[in-house]
Amino acid sequence: LYDIATVAIFVPLLLMYFLFDRNNLLESFNAIAGKYSYLPKLNSELPKIIRAFIVGNFAVGIILSFAHGAIFTLLGLENWLELAVISGFLNLIPLLG
């Protein structure tokens, strides 16, 4: 019953994503199929993509540090600030890989 419910929720959401992102998916498929290539566009947008990835991860690290700091303060830990910063940013390591 759980599997049926999971599929009943997942498949419509996946189809909705495909319909909303249809143009991007078609463009990607055509590029993979070799019909056309957007290498100059990719080269011009790659620094923006990498910068957005780094800034986004840094922002998530700061948010996690604040959340961990609040929890560590409520728990009464002495070195809550250091622990919060370390644990907030160490949570991002799996995302970098």
N, C-alpha and C. Protein backbone atom coordinates (compact mmCIF):
# COMPACT_ATOMS: atom_id res chain seq x y z
N LEU A 1 0.82 -1.19 0.00
CA LEU A 1 0.00 0.00 0.00
C LEU A 1 0.87 1.26 0.00
N TYR A 2 1.99 1.19 0.75
CA TYR A 2 2.92 2.32 0.80
C TYR A 2 3.53 2.58 -0.57
N ASP A 3 3.93 1.52 -1.27
CA ASP A 3 4.51 1.68 -2.61
C ASP A 3 3.52 2.29 -3.59
N ILE A 4 2.29 1.88 -3.51
CA ILE A 4 1.27 2.43 -4.41
C ILE A 4 1.06 3.92 -4.12
N ALA A 5 1.01 4.29 -2.86
CA ALA A 5 0.85 5.69 -2.51
C ALA A 5 2.05 6.52 -2.96
N THR A 6 3.24 5.97 -2.81
CA THR A 6 4.45 6.67 -3.23
C THR A 6 4.45 6.91 -4.73
N VAL A 7 4.13 5.89 -5.50
CA VAL A 7 4.07 6.04 -6.96
C VAL A 7 2.96 6.99 -7.36
N ALA A 8 1.83 6.94 -6.67
CA ALA A 8 0.71 7.82 -7.00
C ALA A 8 1.04 9.28 -6.75
N ILE A 9 1.96 9.55 -5.84
CA ILE A 9 2.38 10.93 -5.59
C ILE A 9 3.55 11.32 -6.49
N PHE A 10 4.52 10.43 -6.65
CA PHE A 10 5.74 10.73 -7.37
C PHE A 10 5.53 10.92 -8.87
N VAL A 11 4.78 10.05 -9.50
CA VAL A 11 4.61 10.11 -10.95
C VAL A 11 3.93 11.40 -11.41
N PRO A 12 2.83 11.84 -10.79
CA PRO A 12 2.25 13.13 -11.23
C PRO A 12 3.19 14.31 -11.01
N LEU A 13 3.95 14.30 -9.90
CA LEU A 13 4.90 15.39 -9.68
C LEU A 13 6.01 15.38 -10.73
N LEU A 14 6.48 14.20 -11.11
CA LEU A 14 7.51 14.08 -12.13
C LEU A 14 6.97 14.55 -13.49
N LEU A 15 5.76 14.16 -13.82
CA LEU A 15 5.16 14.60 -15.07
C LEU A 15 4.94 16.11 -15.09
N MET A 16 4.53 16.68 -13.95
CA MET A 16 4.35 18.12 -13.87
C MET A 16 5.68 18.84 -14.08
N TYR A 17 6.76 18.31 -13.50
CA TYR A 17 8.08 18.90 -13.70
C TYR A 17 8.47 18.84 -15.18
N PHE A 18 8.24 17.70 -15.82
CA PHE A 18 8.57 17.57 -17.23
C PHE A 18 7.78 18.56 -18.08
N LEU A 19 6.53 18.77 -17.76
CA LEU A 19 5.72 19.72 -18.53
C LEU A 19 6.18 21.16 -18.32
N PHE A 20 6.50 21.52 -17.08
CA PHE A 20 6.94 22.88 -16.81
C PHE A 20 8.31 23.18 -17.41
N ASP A 21 9.19 22.18 -17.41
CA ASP A 21 10.56 22.39 -17.87
C ASP A 21 10.78 21.77 -19.25
N ARG A 22 9.73 21.67 -20.03
CA ARG A 22 9.78 21.01 -21.33
C ARG A 22 10.81 21.62 -22.26
N ASN A 23 10.85 22.95 -22.36
CA ASN A 23 11.78 23.59 -23.30
C ASN A 23 13.23 23.33 -22.92
N ASN A 24 13.53 23.39 -21.65
CA ASN A 24 14.89 23.13 -21.21
C ASN A 24 15.27 21.67 -21.45
N LEU A 25 14.35 20.75 -21.20
CA LEU A 25 14.62 19.34 -21.44
C LEU A 25 14.83 19.05 -22.93
N LEU A 26 14.01 19.66 -23.79
CA LEU A 26 14.20 19.48 -25.23
C LEU A 26 15.52 20.05 -25.70
N GLU A 27 15.89 21.20 -25.18
CA GLU A 27 17.17 21.81 -25.54
C GLU A 27 18.34 20.93 -25.10
N SER A 28 18.24 20.38 -23.90
CA SER A 28 19.29 19.50 -23.39
C SER A 28 19.37 18.22 -24.20
N PHE A 29 18.22 17.65 -24.54
CA PHE A 29 18.22 16.42 -25.33
C PHE A 29 18.81 16.66 -26.71
N ASN A 30 18.46 17.78 -27.33
CA ASN A 30 19.02 18.09 -28.65
C ASN A 30 20.53 18.30 -28.58
N ALA A 31 21.01 18.89 -27.51
CA ALA A 31 22.45 19.09 -27.35
C ALA A 31 23.15 17.75 -27.16
N ILE A 32 22.54 16.85 -26.39
CA ILE A 32 23.13 15.52 -26.18
C ILE A 32 23.10 14.72 -27.48
N ALA A 33 22.02 14.84 -28.22
CA ALA A 33 21.88 14.10 -29.47
C ALA A 33 22.81 14.64 -30.56
N GLY A 34 23.41 15.81 -30.34
CA GLY A 34 24.35 16.35 -31.31
C GLY A 34 23.72 17.24 -32.36
N LYS A 35 22.46 17.61 -32.18
CA LYS A 35 21.81 18.46 -33.18
C LYS A 35 22.38 19.87 -33.15
N TYR A 36 22.75 20.35 -31.99
CA TYR A 36 23.40 21.65 -31.87
C TYR A 36 24.11 21.71 -30.52
N SER A 37 25.02 22.63 -30.42
CA SER A 37 25.82 22.74 -29.20
C SER A 37 25.84 24.19 -28.73
N TYR A 38 25.82 24.37 -27.43
CA TYR A 38 25.86 25.70 -26.84
C TYR A 38 27.12 25.89 -26.02
N LEU A 39 28.27 25.46 -26.55
CA LEU A 39 29.50 25.59 -25.78
C LEU A 39 29.87 27.03 -25.47
N PRO A 40 29.73 27.98 -26.40
CA PRO A 40 30.03 29.36 -26.01
C PRO A 40 29.12 29.87 -24.89
N LYS A 41 27.85 29.49 -24.94
CA LYS A 41 26.92 29.89 -23.88
C LYS A 41 27.32 29.26 -22.56
N LEU A 42 27.71 27.99 -22.60
CA LEU A 42 28.14 27.30 -21.40
C LEU A 42 29.40 27.95 -20.83
N ASN A 43 30.36 28.26 -21.69
CA ASN A 43 31.59 28.90 -21.23
C ASN A 43 31.33 30.26 -20.62
N SER A 44 30.36 30.99 -21.13
CA SER A 44 30.08 32.31 -20.57
C SER A 44 29.28 32.22 -19.27
N GLU A 45 28.45 31.18 -19.11
CA GLU A 45 27.63 31.05 -17.91
C GLU A 45 28.26 30.20 -16.82
N LEU A 46 29.31 29.47 -17.12
CA LEU A 46 29.91 28.59 -16.13
C LEU A 46 30.44 29.34 -14.91
N PRO A 47 31.13 30.46 -15.05
CA PRO A 47 31.55 31.19 -13.83
C PRO A 47 30.38 31.64 -12.96
N LYS A 48 29.27 32.03 -13.59
CA LYS A 48 28.08 32.43 -12.82
C LYS A 48 27.51 31.24 -12.05
N ILE A 49 27.49 30.08 -12.69
CA ILE A 49 26.95 28.88 -12.07
C ILE A 49 27.81 28.48 -10.87
N ILE A 50 29.13 28.49 -11.05
CA ILE A 50 30.03 28.11 -9.96
C ILE A 50 29.94 29.12 -8.82
N ARG A 51 29.88 30.41 -9.16
CA ARG A 51 29.77 31.45 -8.13
C ARG A 51 28.47 31.28 -7.34
N ALA A 52 27.37 31.00 -8.04
CA ALA A 52 26.08 30.80 -7.37
C ALA A 52 26.12 29.58 -6.46
N PHE A 53 26.80 28.52 -6.89
CA PHE A 53 26.94 27.31 -6.08
C PHE A 53 27.71 27.61 -4.80
N ILE A 54 28.81 28.33 -4.91
CA ILE A 54 29.64 28.64 -3.74
C ILE A 54 28.91 29.58 -2.79
N VAL A 55 28.28 30.63 -3.33
CA VAL A 55 27.55 31.58 -2.49
C VAL A 55 26.38 30.89 -1.80
N GLY A 56 25.67 30.05 -2.52
CA GLY A 56 24.54 29.32 -1.94
C GLY A 56 24.98 28.40 -0.82
N ASN A 57 26.08 27.66 -1.03
CA ASN A 57 26.58 26.79 0.03
C ASN A 57 27.07 27.58 1.23
N PHE A 58 27.69 28.73 1.00
CA PHE A 58 28.14 29.57 2.11
C PHE A 58 26.95 30.08 2.92
N ALA A 59 25.89 30.48 2.21
CA ALA A 59 24.68 30.96 2.89
C ALA A 59 24.05 29.85 3.72
N VAL A 60 24.01 28.64 3.17
CA VAL A 60 23.45 27.51 3.92
C VAL A 60 24.32 27.22 5.14
N GLY A 61 25.64 27.33 5.00
CA GLY A 61 26.54 27.13 6.15
C GLY A 61 26.29 28.14 7.25
N ILE A 62 26.04 29.39 6.88
CA ILE A 62 25.75 30.42 7.88
C ILE A 62 24.42 30.13 8.57
N ILE A 63 23.41 29.76 7.79
CA ILE A 63 22.10 29.45 8.38
C ILE A 63 22.20 28.26 9.33
N LEU A 64 22.94 27.23 8.92
CA LEU A 64 23.12 26.06 9.79
C LEU A 64 23.90 26.43 11.05
N SER A 65 24.88 27.31 10.91
CA SER A 65 25.66 27.74 12.08
C SER A 65 24.76 28.46 13.09
N PHE A 66 23.88 29.33 12.60
CA PHE A 66 22.95 30.01 13.51
C PHE A 66 22.01 29.02 14.18
N ALA A 67 21.50 28.08 13.41
CA ALA A 67 20.57 27.10 13.99
C ALA A 67 21.29 26.23 15.02
N HIS A 68 22.48 25.78 14.69
CA HIS A 68 23.24 24.96 15.64
C HIS A 68 23.63 25.77 16.86
N GLY A 69 23.97 27.04 16.65
CA GLY A 69 24.31 27.91 17.78
C GLY A 69 23.15 28.05 18.75
N ALA A 70 21.95 28.21 18.21
CA ALA A 70 20.77 28.32 19.08
C ALA A 70 20.55 27.03 19.87
N ILE A 71 20.70 25.91 19.20
CA ILE A 71 20.50 24.62 19.87
C ILE A 71 21.58 24.39 20.92
N PHE A 72 22.84 24.69 20.58
CA PHE A 72 23.93 24.47 21.53
C PHE A 72 23.82 25.40 22.73
N THR A 73 23.31 26.63 22.50
CA THR A 73 23.10 27.55 23.62
C THR A 73 22.01 27.03 24.54
N LEU A 74 20.93 26.51 23.96
CA LEU A 74 19.85 25.95 24.78
C LEU A 74 20.31 24.73 25.57
N LEU A 75 21.26 23.99 25.00
CA LEU A 75 21.79 22.82 25.70
C LEU A 75 22.80 23.20 26.77
N GLY A 76 23.26 24.45 26.75
CA GLY A 76 24.17 24.93 27.78
C GLY A 76 25.62 24.57 27.55
N LEU A 77 26.03 24.38 26.30
CA LEU A 77 27.42 24.05 26.01
C LEU A 77 28.30 25.30 26.15
N GLU A 78 29.52 25.11 26.65
CA GLU A 78 30.40 26.25 26.87
C GLU A 78 30.91 26.85 25.56
N ASN A 79 31.41 26.03 24.68
CA ASN A 79 32.00 26.50 23.42
C ASN A 79 30.98 26.44 22.29
N TRP A 80 29.81 26.97 22.52
CA TRP A 80 28.73 26.85 21.55
C TRP A 80 29.05 27.56 20.24
N LEU A 81 29.76 28.70 20.29
CA LEU A 81 30.03 29.45 19.07
C LEU A 81 30.96 28.67 18.14
N GLU A 82 32.06 28.16 18.68
CA GLU A 82 33.01 27.40 17.87
C GLU A 82 32.36 26.13 17.31
N LEU A 83 31.62 25.44 18.18
CA LEU A 83 30.95 24.21 17.75
C LEU A 83 29.91 24.50 16.67
N ALA A 84 29.20 25.61 16.81
CA ALA A 84 28.16 25.95 15.84
C ALA A 84 28.77 26.23 14.47
N VAL A 85 29.85 27.00 14.44
CA VAL A 85 30.48 27.33 13.16
C VAL A 85 31.07 26.07 12.52
N ILE A 86 31.76 25.27 13.32
CA ILE A 86 32.37 24.05 12.78
C ILE A 86 31.30 23.08 12.28
N SER A 87 30.29 22.83 13.09
CA SER A 87 29.26 21.87 12.67
C SER A 87 28.41 22.41 11.52
N GLY A 88 28.20 23.72 11.49
CA GLY A 88 27.41 24.30 10.40
C GLY A 88 28.09 24.14 9.05
N PHE A 89 29.40 24.36 9.02
CA PHE A 89 30.10 24.27 7.74
C PHE A 89 30.55 22.85 7.41
N LEU A 90 30.76 22.01 8.42
CA LEU A 90 31.11 20.62 8.12
C LEU A 90 29.93 19.85 7.54
N ASN A 91 28.73 20.31 7.77
CA ASN A 91 27.56 19.66 7.16
C ASN A 91 27.54 19.83 5.65
N LEU A 92 28.29 20.78 5.13
CA LEU A 92 28.29 21.02 3.68
C LEU A 92 29.26 20.14 2.92
N ILE A 93 30.15 19.48 3.59
CA ILE A 93 31.17 18.69 2.89
C ILE A 93 30.57 17.63 1.98
N PRO A 94 29.55 16.87 2.37
CA PRO A 94 28.98 15.91 1.43
C PRO A 94 28.40 16.57 0.18
N LEU A 95 27.92 17.80 0.28
CA LEU A 95 27.36 18.49 -0.87
C LEU A 95 28.42 18.90 -1.88
N LEU A 96 29.64 19.14 -1.42
CA LEU A 96 30.72 19.53 -2.34
C LEU A 96 31.14 18.38 -3.24
N GLY A 97 31.03 17.17 -2.73
CA GLY A 97 31.42 16.00 -3.53
C GLY A 97 30.41 15.76 -4.59
